[in-house]
Amino acid sequence: MAQAPVSKEQIAIAAATQVFCRYGFARTTMGDIAAEAGISRPALYLLFPDKDAVFAAVIRAMDEQKHREILASIARLDGLHAKLLHACKSWGSHGFDLSEAHPDAADLFDLRFPAVRTVYENFQSLVADLIRDQVRSSGTADGADVLARCLVFGMRGLRETARNGKDMKRLIAVQVAMLVRSIGGKA
């Protein structure tokens, strides 16, 4: 089956992803993105009105790709613990590994940017959907949305203290196990 042709916008987003990872948001210019994409600055401005719009498109594209990958993977897994552990390790480790490889990529996780806040909200919704039935059956006072928020932003804190990628995955596993046990699941 033939793949659909890649649009100029997709090329620009792929190029911008590389540039934002390399330089971060503040140091990246529209000229940097255009050069990486192999197009002129005026051509880039026809696709995106400003750097904020390009950054938001990059964040959205990364989020959509990771979300698809997680959903496809957890569909093949059995049990709440396995699904939640995979989702959290995949999502949390991806950010950690990216920041480790590209220190200036930290802007991709900066909650000052609305697109980044949306990424966190999207993953929080995914986690809440995964745990919702178990939370209801457990009679836990807090709802799935609150517990999901605690898990997601707890992982954000783990990113600040993990020594390396292996440590990050171990800490995520501990956090997931604590949550699953707290709602009466098997970890």
N, C-alpha and C. Protein backbone atom coordinates (compact mmCIF):
# COMPACT_ATOMS: atom_id res chain seq x y z
N MET A 1 0.84 -1.18 0.00
CA MET A 1 0.00 0.00 0.00
C MET A 1 0.89 1.24 0.00
N ALA A 2 0.63 2.15 -0.90
CA ALA A 2 1.43 3.37 -1.02
C ALA A 2 1.12 4.34 0.10
N GLN A 3 2.15 5.00 0.59
CA GLN A 3 1.95 6.00 1.64
C GLN A 3 1.55 7.32 1.01
N ALA A 4 0.77 8.07 1.75
CA ALA A 4 0.36 9.40 1.28
C ALA A 4 1.60 10.29 1.21
N PRO A 5 1.63 11.20 0.25
CA PRO A 5 2.78 12.10 0.17
C PRO A 5 2.88 12.98 1.41
N VAL A 6 4.10 13.32 1.75
CA VAL A 6 4.35 14.15 2.92
C VAL A 6 4.12 15.62 2.54
N SER A 7 3.34 16.31 3.35
CA SER A 7 3.04 17.72 3.07
C SER A 7 4.19 18.62 3.50
N LYS A 8 4.19 19.84 2.99
CA LYS A 8 5.19 20.82 3.39
C LYS A 8 5.10 21.10 4.89
N GLU A 9 3.87 21.10 5.40
CA GLU A 9 3.68 21.32 6.84
C GLU A 9 4.32 20.19 7.64
N GLN A 10 4.14 18.94 7.20
CA GLN A 10 4.75 17.81 7.91
C GLN A 10 6.27 17.89 7.87
N ILE A 11 6.81 18.30 6.73
CA ILE A 11 8.26 18.46 6.61
C ILE A 11 8.75 19.54 7.57
N ALA A 12 8.02 20.65 7.63
CA ALA A 12 8.40 21.74 8.53
C ALA A 12 8.31 21.31 9.99
N ILE A 13 7.28 20.54 10.34
CA ILE A 13 7.13 20.07 11.72
C ILE A 13 8.26 19.13 12.08
N ALA A 14 8.61 18.21 11.19
CA ALA A 14 9.72 17.29 11.46
C ALA A 14 11.02 18.06 11.64
N ALA A 15 11.25 19.04 10.80
CA ALA A 15 12.47 19.85 10.92
C ALA A 15 12.46 20.65 12.22
N ALA A 16 11.32 21.24 12.53
CA ALA A 16 11.21 22.04 13.75
C ALA A 16 11.42 21.18 14.99
N THR A 17 10.97 19.94 14.95
CA THR A 17 11.18 19.03 16.09
C THR A 17 12.67 18.89 16.36
N GLN A 18 13.43 18.67 15.30
CA GLN A 18 14.89 18.53 15.46
C GLN A 18 15.51 19.81 16.02
N VAL A 19 15.08 20.95 15.50
CA VAL A 19 15.67 22.22 15.91
C VAL A 19 15.30 22.56 17.35
N PHE A 20 14.03 22.37 17.73
CA PHE A 20 13.62 22.67 19.11
C PHE A 20 14.32 21.73 20.09
N CYS A 21 14.53 20.47 19.70
CA CYS A 21 15.27 19.56 20.58
C CYS A 21 16.72 20.02 20.74
N ARG A 22 17.29 20.50 19.67
CA ARG A 22 18.69 20.91 19.68
C ARG A 22 18.91 22.21 20.45
N TYR A 23 18.06 23.20 20.23
CA TYR A 23 18.29 24.54 20.78
C TYR A 23 17.30 25.00 21.83
N GLY A 24 16.19 24.30 21.99
CA GLY A 24 15.15 24.78 22.89
C GLY A 24 14.31 25.84 22.20
N PHE A 25 13.29 26.30 22.87
CA PHE A 25 12.37 27.27 22.27
C PHE A 25 13.03 28.64 22.09
N ALA A 26 13.66 29.15 23.14
CA ALA A 26 14.16 30.52 23.13
C ALA A 26 15.23 30.75 22.06
N ARG A 27 16.13 29.79 21.89
CA ARG A 27 17.24 29.98 20.95
C ARG A 27 16.87 29.65 19.51
N THR A 28 15.75 28.99 19.30
CA THR A 28 15.34 28.62 17.93
C THR A 28 14.73 29.81 17.22
N THR A 29 15.10 29.98 15.97
CA THR A 29 14.50 31.04 15.15
C THR A 29 13.73 30.40 14.00
N MET A 30 12.86 31.20 13.40
CA MET A 30 12.14 30.73 12.22
C MET A 30 13.15 30.43 11.10
N GLY A 31 14.24 31.17 11.06
CA GLY A 31 15.29 30.91 10.08
C GLY A 31 15.93 29.55 10.27
N ASP A 32 16.17 29.17 11.55
CA ASP A 32 16.73 27.85 11.85
C ASP A 32 15.81 26.74 11.34
N ILE A 33 14.52 26.91 11.62
CA ILE A 33 13.53 25.90 11.22
C ILE A 33 13.46 25.81 9.69
N ALA A 34 13.40 26.95 9.04
CA ALA A 34 13.32 26.98 7.58
C ALA A 34 14.55 26.30 6.97
N ALA A 35 15.73 26.61 7.49
CA ALA A 35 16.96 26.01 6.97
C ALA A 35 16.93 24.49 7.13
N GLU A 36 16.51 24.02 8.30
CA GLU A 36 16.44 22.58 8.55
C GLU A 36 15.44 21.91 7.62
N ALA A 37 14.35 22.61 7.32
CA ALA A 37 13.30 22.05 6.45
C ALA A 37 13.64 22.19 4.97
N GLY A 38 14.66 22.97 4.67
CA GLY A 38 15.04 23.17 3.28
C GLY A 38 14.08 24.08 2.52
N ILE A 39 13.48 25.02 3.27
CA ILE A 39 12.57 25.98 2.64
C ILE A 39 12.98 27.39 3.06
N SER A 40 12.43 28.38 2.41
CA SER A 40 12.74 29.77 2.77
C SER A 40 11.93 30.19 3.99
N ARG A 41 12.39 31.22 4.67
CA ARG A 41 11.62 31.78 5.79
C ARG A 41 10.23 32.22 5.33
N PRO A 42 10.11 32.95 4.20
CA PRO A 42 8.76 33.33 3.76
C PRO A 42 7.85 32.12 3.52
N ALA A 43 8.43 31.03 3.00
CA ALA A 43 7.62 29.81 2.79
C ALA A 43 7.16 29.24 4.13
N LEU A 44 8.04 29.30 5.14
CA LEU A 44 7.66 28.81 6.47
C LEU A 44 6.54 29.67 7.05
N TYR A 45 6.64 30.98 6.86
CA TYR A 45 5.60 31.88 7.36
C TYR A 45 4.26 31.67 6.65
N LEU A 46 4.26 31.11 5.47
CA LEU A 46 3.00 30.77 4.81
C LEU A 46 2.33 29.57 5.49
N LEU A 47 3.15 28.74 6.12
CA LEU A 47 2.63 27.55 6.82
C LEU A 47 2.25 27.86 8.26
N PHE A 48 3.05 28.70 8.92
CA PHE A 48 2.86 29.01 10.34
C PHE A 48 3.07 30.51 10.55
N PRO A 49 2.18 31.15 11.30
CA PRO A 49 2.30 32.60 11.47
C PRO A 49 3.49 33.04 12.32
N ASP A 50 3.95 32.15 13.23
CA ASP A 50 5.04 32.52 14.12
C ASP A 50 5.64 31.28 14.77
N LYS A 51 6.70 31.50 15.54
CA LYS A 51 7.40 30.40 16.19
C LYS A 51 6.51 29.67 17.19
N ASP A 52 5.64 30.40 17.88
CA ASP A 52 4.72 29.77 18.83
C ASP A 52 3.83 28.74 18.14
N ALA A 53 3.35 29.08 16.95
CA ALA A 53 2.48 28.17 16.20
C ALA A 53 3.24 26.93 15.75
N VAL A 54 4.49 27.10 15.34
CA VAL A 54 5.31 25.95 14.96
C VAL A 54 5.54 25.07 16.17
N PHE A 55 5.89 25.68 17.29
CA PHE A 55 6.15 24.93 18.52
C PHE A 55 4.92 24.14 18.94
N ALA A 56 3.75 24.77 18.90
CA ALA A 56 2.51 24.08 19.25
C ALA A 56 2.26 22.90 18.31
N ALA A 57 2.54 23.08 17.03
CA ALA A 57 2.35 21.99 16.07
C ALA A 57 3.31 20.83 16.35
N VAL A 58 4.54 21.15 16.72
CA VAL A 58 5.52 20.12 17.07
C VAL A 58 5.04 19.34 18.29
N ILE A 59 4.62 20.04 19.32
CA ILE A 59 4.15 19.39 20.55
C ILE A 59 2.95 18.51 20.25
N ARG A 60 2.01 19.04 19.48
CA ARG A 60 0.81 18.28 19.10
C ARG A 60 1.18 17.00 18.34
N ALA A 61 2.08 17.12 17.38
CA ALA A 61 2.49 15.97 16.58
C ALA A 61 3.17 14.91 17.44
N MET A 62 4.05 15.34 18.33
CA MET A 62 4.73 14.40 19.22
C MET A 62 3.73 13.70 20.13
N ASP A 63 2.78 14.47 20.66
CA ASP A 63 1.76 13.91 21.55
C ASP A 63 0.89 12.90 20.81
N GLU A 64 0.44 13.25 19.63
CA GLU A 64 -0.42 12.34 18.86
C GLU A 64 0.30 11.04 18.53
N GLN A 65 1.57 11.14 18.14
CA GLN A 65 2.34 9.94 17.83
C GLN A 65 2.51 9.06 19.06
N LYS A 66 2.90 9.65 20.18
CA LYS A 66 3.11 8.87 21.40
C LYS A 66 1.80 8.25 21.87
N HIS A 67 0.70 9.00 21.78
CA HIS A 67 -0.61 8.50 22.19
C HIS A 67 -1.00 7.27 21.35
N ARG A 68 -0.80 7.36 20.04
CA ARG A 68 -1.10 6.22 19.15
C ARG A 68 -0.25 5.01 19.51
N GLU A 69 1.04 5.23 19.74
CA GLU A 69 1.94 4.14 20.10
C GLU A 69 1.50 3.47 21.39
N ILE A 70 1.16 4.26 22.38
CA ILE A 70 0.75 3.71 23.67
C ILE A 70 -0.54 2.91 23.52
N LEU A 71 -1.53 3.46 22.86
CA LEU A 71 -2.81 2.75 22.68
C LEU A 71 -2.62 1.44 21.93
N ALA A 72 -1.80 1.44 20.89
CA ALA A 72 -1.55 0.21 20.13
C ALA A 72 -0.87 -0.84 21.00
N SER A 73 0.08 -0.42 21.81
CA SER A 73 0.81 -1.36 22.66
C SER A 73 -0.05 -1.92 23.78
N ILE A 74 -0.80 -1.06 24.47
CA ILE A 74 -1.57 -1.57 25.61
C ILE A 74 -2.76 -2.41 25.16
N ALA A 75 -3.18 -2.28 23.92
CA ALA A 75 -4.28 -3.11 23.41
C ALA A 75 -3.88 -4.59 23.41
N ARG A 76 -2.59 -4.86 23.34
CA ARG A 76 -2.09 -6.24 23.31
C ARG A 76 -1.77 -6.77 24.70
N LEU A 77 -1.91 -5.95 25.73
CA LEU A 77 -1.56 -6.36 27.09
C LEU A 77 -2.79 -6.74 27.89
N ASP A 78 -2.59 -7.61 28.88
CA ASP A 78 -3.67 -8.01 29.78
C ASP A 78 -3.44 -7.43 31.16
N GLY A 79 -4.52 -7.00 31.79
CA GLY A 79 -4.46 -6.55 33.17
C GLY A 79 -4.13 -5.07 33.31
N LEU A 80 -4.73 -4.49 34.33
CA LEU A 80 -4.55 -3.07 34.59
C LEU A 80 -3.08 -2.71 34.85
N HIS A 81 -2.41 -3.48 35.69
CA HIS A 81 -1.03 -3.16 36.03
C HIS A 81 -0.15 -3.14 34.79
N ALA A 82 -0.25 -4.15 33.95
CA ALA A 82 0.59 -4.22 32.75
C ALA A 82 0.31 -3.06 31.81
N LYS A 83 -0.95 -2.73 31.63
CA LYS A 83 -1.32 -1.64 30.73
C LYS A 83 -0.84 -0.29 31.27
N LEU A 84 -1.10 -0.06 32.54
CA LEU A 84 -0.72 1.21 33.16
C LEU A 84 0.80 1.35 33.22
N LEU A 85 1.48 0.27 33.55
CA LEU A 85 2.94 0.32 33.63
C LEU A 85 3.54 0.64 32.26
N HIS A 86 3.04 -0.04 31.24
CA HIS A 86 3.57 0.24 29.90
C HIS A 86 3.30 1.69 29.49
N ALA A 87 2.07 2.14 29.69
CA ALA A 87 1.72 3.51 29.30
C ALA A 87 2.61 4.52 30.01
N CYS A 88 2.78 4.35 31.31
CA CYS A 88 3.56 5.32 32.09
C CYS A 88 5.05 5.26 31.76
N LYS A 89 5.59 4.05 31.60
CA LYS A 89 7.01 3.96 31.24
C LYS A 89 7.25 4.55 29.86
N SER A 90 6.36 4.25 28.94
CA SER A 90 6.53 4.76 27.58
C SER A 90 6.46 6.29 27.56
N TRP A 91 5.47 6.85 28.21
CA TRP A 91 5.27 8.30 28.21
C TRP A 91 6.33 9.00 29.06
N GLY A 92 6.55 8.52 30.27
CA GLY A 92 7.48 9.17 31.18
C GLY A 92 8.94 9.01 30.78
N SER A 93 9.29 7.84 30.29
CA SER A 93 10.68 7.61 29.88
C SER A 93 11.02 8.34 28.60
N HIS A 94 10.06 8.48 27.72
CA HIS A 94 10.29 9.19 26.46
C HIS A 94 10.78 10.62 26.76
N GLY A 95 10.07 11.29 27.63
CA GLY A 95 10.45 12.65 27.99
C GLY A 95 11.80 12.71 28.68
N PHE A 96 12.03 11.76 29.56
CA PHE A 96 13.31 11.72 30.28
C PHE A 96 14.46 11.48 29.31
N ASP A 97 14.30 10.49 28.45
CA ASP A 97 15.35 10.15 27.49
C ASP A 97 15.64 11.30 26.53
N LEU A 98 14.58 11.97 26.10
CA LEU A 98 14.75 13.10 25.19
C LEU A 98 15.52 14.23 25.88
N SER A 99 15.18 14.50 27.13
CA SER A 99 15.87 15.56 27.88
C SER A 99 17.33 15.20 28.16
N GLU A 100 17.58 13.91 28.39
CA GLU A 100 18.95 13.48 28.62
C GLU A 100 19.79 13.62 27.36
N ALA A 101 19.22 13.27 26.22
CA ALA A 101 19.95 13.34 24.95
C ALA A 101 20.12 14.78 24.48
N HIS A 102 19.12 15.60 24.75
CA HIS A 102 19.12 17.00 24.30
C HIS A 102 18.72 17.89 25.48
N PRO A 103 19.67 18.34 26.29
CA PRO A 103 19.32 19.16 27.47
C PRO A 103 18.45 20.37 27.16
N ASP A 104 18.61 20.96 25.98
CA ASP A 104 17.80 22.12 25.63
C ASP A 104 16.37 21.75 25.24
N ALA A 105 16.08 20.46 25.17
CA ALA A 105 14.73 20.01 24.84
C ALA A 105 13.77 20.18 26.01
N ALA A 106 14.26 20.67 27.13
CA ALA A 106 13.41 20.85 28.32
C ALA A 106 12.18 21.70 28.03
N ASP A 107 12.28 22.62 27.07
CA ASP A 107 11.13 23.45 26.71
C ASP A 107 9.95 22.61 26.22
N LEU A 108 10.25 21.43 25.69
CA LEU A 108 9.18 20.57 25.19
C LEU A 108 8.28 20.06 26.32
N PHE A 109 8.71 20.27 27.56
CA PHE A 109 7.96 19.81 28.73
C PHE A 109 7.60 20.95 29.67
N ASP A 110 7.78 22.17 29.22
CA ASP A 110 7.55 23.36 30.04
C ASP A 110 6.07 23.70 30.07
N LEU A 111 5.50 23.66 31.25
CA LEU A 111 4.05 23.88 31.41
C LEU A 111 3.62 25.32 31.15
N ARG A 112 4.55 26.22 30.91
CA ARG A 112 4.17 27.58 30.53
C ARG A 112 3.51 27.60 29.15
N PHE A 113 3.81 26.59 28.35
CA PHE A 113 3.27 26.53 26.99
C PHE A 113 1.93 25.80 26.99
N PRO A 114 0.88 26.41 26.47
CA PRO A 114 -0.44 25.76 26.44
C PRO A 114 -0.42 24.38 25.78
N ALA A 115 0.35 24.22 24.72
CA ALA A 115 0.40 22.92 24.03
C ALA A 115 0.96 21.84 24.95
N VAL A 116 1.92 22.20 25.78
CA VAL A 116 2.51 21.24 26.72
C VAL A 116 1.49 20.87 27.79
N ARG A 117 0.75 21.85 28.28
CA ARG A 117 -0.31 21.54 29.26
C ARG A 117 -1.32 20.57 28.65
N THR A 118 -1.62 20.73 27.39
CA THR A 118 -2.56 19.83 26.71
C THR A 118 -2.01 18.41 26.66
N VAL A 119 -0.71 18.26 26.46
CA VAL A 119 -0.08 16.93 26.46
C VAL A 119 -0.32 16.26 27.81
N TYR A 120 -0.10 16.99 28.88
CA TYR A 120 -0.31 16.43 30.22
C TYR A 120 -1.79 16.08 30.43
N GLU A 121 -2.68 16.93 29.99
CA GLU A 121 -4.11 16.66 30.12
C GLU A 121 -4.50 15.41 29.32
N ASN A 122 -3.94 15.26 28.13
CA ASN A 122 -4.25 14.09 27.30
C ASN A 122 -3.78 12.80 27.96
N PHE A 123 -2.57 12.82 28.50
CA PHE A 123 -2.08 11.60 29.15
C PHE A 123 -2.84 11.33 30.44
N GLN A 124 -3.18 12.38 31.15
CA GLN A 124 -3.99 12.22 32.36
C GLN A 124 -5.33 11.56 32.01
N SER A 125 -5.94 11.95 30.92
CA SER A 125 -7.21 11.35 30.48
C SER A 125 -7.02 9.88 30.13
N LEU A 126 -5.92 9.56 29.47
CA LEU A 126 -5.64 8.17 29.13
C LEU A 126 -5.51 7.33 30.40
N VAL A 127 -4.76 7.83 31.36
CA VAL A 127 -4.59 7.11 32.63
C VAL A 127 -5.92 6.97 33.35
N ALA A 128 -6.70 8.04 33.41
CA ALA A 128 -8.00 7.99 34.08
C ALA A 128 -8.91 6.95 33.43
N ASP A 129 -8.90 6.89 32.11
CA ASP A 129 -9.70 5.88 31.41
C ASP A 129 -9.25 4.47 31.75
N LEU A 130 -7.94 4.27 31.88
CA LEU A 130 -7.42 2.95 32.22
C LEU A 130 -7.83 2.50 33.61
N ILE A 131 -7.84 3.41 34.57
CA ILE A 131 -8.08 3.02 35.97
C ILE A 131 -9.53 3.20 36.41
N ARG A 132 -10.36 3.82 35.60
CA ARG A 132 -11.71 4.21 36.02
C ARG A 132 -12.53 3.04 36.60
N ASP A 133 -12.60 1.92 35.91
CA ASP A 133 -13.42 0.80 36.40
C ASP A 133 -12.90 0.26 37.73
N GLN A 134 -11.58 0.13 37.85
CA GLN A 134 -11.00 -0.37 39.10
C GLN A 134 -11.22 0.61 40.24
N VAL A 135 -11.15 1.90 39.96
CA VAL A 135 -11.39 2.92 40.99
C VAL A 135 -12.82 2.82 41.48
N ARG A 136 -13.77 2.69 40.55
CA ARG A 136 -15.19 2.57 40.94
C ARG A 136 -15.42 1.35 41.81
N SER A 137 -14.87 0.22 41.40
CA SER A 137 -15.11 -1.02 42.15
C SER A 137 -14.39 -1.03 43.50
N SER A 138 -13.36 -0.22 43.64
CA SER A 138 -12.60 -0.21 44.90
C SER A 138 -13.26 0.65 45.97
N GLY A 139 -14.15 1.55 45.54
CA GLY A 139 -14.78 2.45 46.50
C GLY A 139 -13.84 3.53 47.01
N THR A 140 -12.74 3.74 46.34
CA THR A 140 -11.78 4.78 46.72
C THR A 140 -12.47 6.14 46.72
N ALA A 141 -12.18 6.94 47.73
CA ALA A 141 -12.84 8.25 47.87
C ALA A 141 -12.53 9.17 46.70
N ASP A 142 -11.30 9.15 46.24
CA ASP A 142 -10.92 10.02 45.12
C ASP A 142 -11.26 9.34 43.81
N GLY A 143 -11.67 10.14 42.85
CA GLY A 143 -12.03 9.61 41.54
C GLY A 143 -10.83 9.33 40.66
N ALA A 144 -11.10 8.68 39.55
CA ALA A 144 -10.04 8.31 38.61
C ALA A 144 -9.29 9.53 38.08
N ASP A 145 -10.00 10.63 37.86
CA ASP A 145 -9.34 11.83 37.33
C ASP A 145 -8.31 12.40 38.31
N VAL A 146 -8.66 12.41 39.59
CA VAL A 146 -7.74 12.93 40.61
C VAL A 146 -6.53 12.00 40.76
N LEU A 147 -6.78 10.69 40.80
CA LEU A 147 -5.67 9.75 40.93
C LEU A 147 -4.76 9.80 39.71
N ALA A 148 -5.35 9.95 38.54
CA ALA A 148 -4.55 10.05 37.31
C ALA A 148 -3.68 11.31 37.35
N ARG A 149 -4.25 12.39 37.82
CA ARG A 149 -3.49 13.64 37.91
C ARG A 149 -2.30 13.47 38.86
N CYS A 150 -2.54 12.83 40.00
CA CYS A 150 -1.45 12.59 40.96
C CYS A 150 -0.35 11.74 40.32
N LEU A 151 -0.73 10.71 39.59
CA LEU A 151 0.26 9.84 38.96
C LEU A 151 1.06 10.60 37.90
N VAL A 152 0.36 11.31 37.03
CA VAL A 152 1.02 12.00 35.92
C VAL A 152 1.98 13.08 36.43
N PHE A 153 1.53 13.89 37.36
CA PHE A 153 2.41 14.96 37.84
C PHE A 153 3.45 14.44 38.83
N GLY A 154 3.17 13.30 39.46
CA GLY A 154 4.19 12.63 40.26
C GLY A 154 5.34 12.17 39.38
N MET A 155 5.00 11.66 38.20
CA MET A 155 6.04 11.25 37.25
C MET A 155 6.88 12.44 36.80
N ARG A 156 6.24 13.58 36.70
CA ARG A 156 6.99 14.80 36.34
C ARG A 156 8.04 15.09 37.42
N GLY A 157 7.67 14.91 38.66
CA GLY A 157 8.62 15.10 39.75
C GLY A 157 9.73 14.06 39.73
N LEU A 158 9.39 12.83 39.37
CA LEU A 158 10.41 11.79 39.28
C LEU A 158 11.48 12.15 38.25
N ARG A 159 11.06 12.79 37.18
CA ARG A 159 12.00 13.19 36.12
C ARG A 159 13.08 14.11 36.67
N GLU A 160 12.73 14.89 37.68
CA GLU A 160 13.69 15.83 38.27
C GLU A 160 14.71 15.13 39.17
N THR A 161 14.36 13.95 39.67
CA THR A 161 15.25 13.29 40.63
C THR A 161 15.88 12.01 40.13
N ALA A 162 15.40 11.45 39.04
CA ALA A 162 15.96 10.20 38.53
C ALA A 162 17.41 10.42 38.09
N ARG A 163 18.24 9.43 38.39
CA ARG A 163 19.66 9.54 38.06
C ARG A 163 19.94 9.25 36.58
N ASN A 164 19.13 8.37 36.00
CA ASN A 164 19.30 7.99 34.60
C ASN A 164 18.00 7.34 34.12
N GLY A 165 17.99 6.91 32.87
CA GLY A 165 16.78 6.32 32.30
C GLY A 165 16.32 5.07 33.02
N LYS A 166 17.26 4.23 33.42
CA LYS A 166 16.93 2.99 34.14
C LYS A 166 16.28 3.33 35.49
N ASP A 167 16.84 4.29 36.18
CA ASP A 167 16.29 4.72 37.47
C ASP A 167 14.89 5.31 37.28
N MET A 168 14.70 6.07 36.22
CA MET A 168 13.38 6.66 35.94
C MET A 168 12.35 5.55 35.76
N LYS A 169 12.68 4.53 35.00
CA LYS A 169 11.74 3.42 34.78
C LYS A 169 11.43 2.69 36.08
N ARG A 170 12.45 2.51 36.91
CA ARG A 170 12.24 1.84 38.21
C ARG A 170 11.31 2.67 39.09
N LEU A 171 11.54 3.97 39.14
CA LEU A 171 10.69 4.85 39.96
C LEU A 171 9.25 4.87 39.44
N ILE A 172 9.09 4.88 38.13
CA ILE A 172 7.75 4.83 37.55
C ILE A 172 7.07 3.52 37.94
N ALA A 173 7.81 2.42 37.89
CA ALA A 173 7.24 1.11 38.25
C ALA A 173 6.76 1.11 39.69
N VAL A 174 7.53 1.70 40.59
CA VAL A 174 7.13 1.78 42.00
C VAL A 174 5.86 2.62 42.13
N GLN A 175 5.82 3.74 41.46
CA GLN A 175 4.66 4.63 41.55
C GLN A 175 3.40 3.96 40.99
N VAL A 176 3.54 3.27 39.87
CA VAL A 176 2.40 2.57 39.28
C VAL A 176 1.92 1.46 40.21
N ALA A 177 2.85 0.70 40.77
CA ALA A 177 2.47 -0.38 41.69
C ALA A 177 1.73 0.17 42.90
N MET A 178 2.18 1.30 43.44
CA MET A 178 1.49 1.90 44.60
C MET A 178 0.07 2.30 44.23
N LEU A 179 -0.11 2.90 43.07
CA LEU A 179 -1.44 3.31 42.66
C LEU A 179 -2.34 2.11 42.45
N VAL A 180 -1.85 1.11 41.74
CA VAL A 180 -2.68 -0.07 41.46
C VAL A 180 -3.08 -0.76 42.76
N ARG A 181 -2.15 -0.91 43.69
CA ARG A 181 -2.48 -1.52 44.98
C ARG A 181 -3.49 -0.67 45.75
N SER A 182 -3.37 0.64 45.67
CA SER A 182 -4.27 1.52 46.43
C SER A 182 -5.71 1.45 45.95
N ILE A 183 -5.90 0.99 44.72
CA ILE A 183 -7.28 0.87 44.21
C ILE A 183 -7.70 -0.60 44.12
N GLY A 184 -6.97 -1.45 44.84
CA GLY A 184 -7.36 -2.84 44.96
C GLY A 184 -6.98 -3.73 43.80
N GLY A 185 -6.10 -3.27 42.96
CA GLY A 185 -5.65 -4.09 41.84
C GLY A 185 -4.43 -4.90 42.22
N LYS A 186 -4.05 -5.80 41.32
CA LYS A 186 -2.88 -6.63 41.55
C LYS A 186 -1.69 -6.02 40.83
N ALA A 187 -0.62 -5.82 41.60
CA ALA A 187 0.59 -5.22 41.00
C ALA A 187 1.69 -6.25 40.90
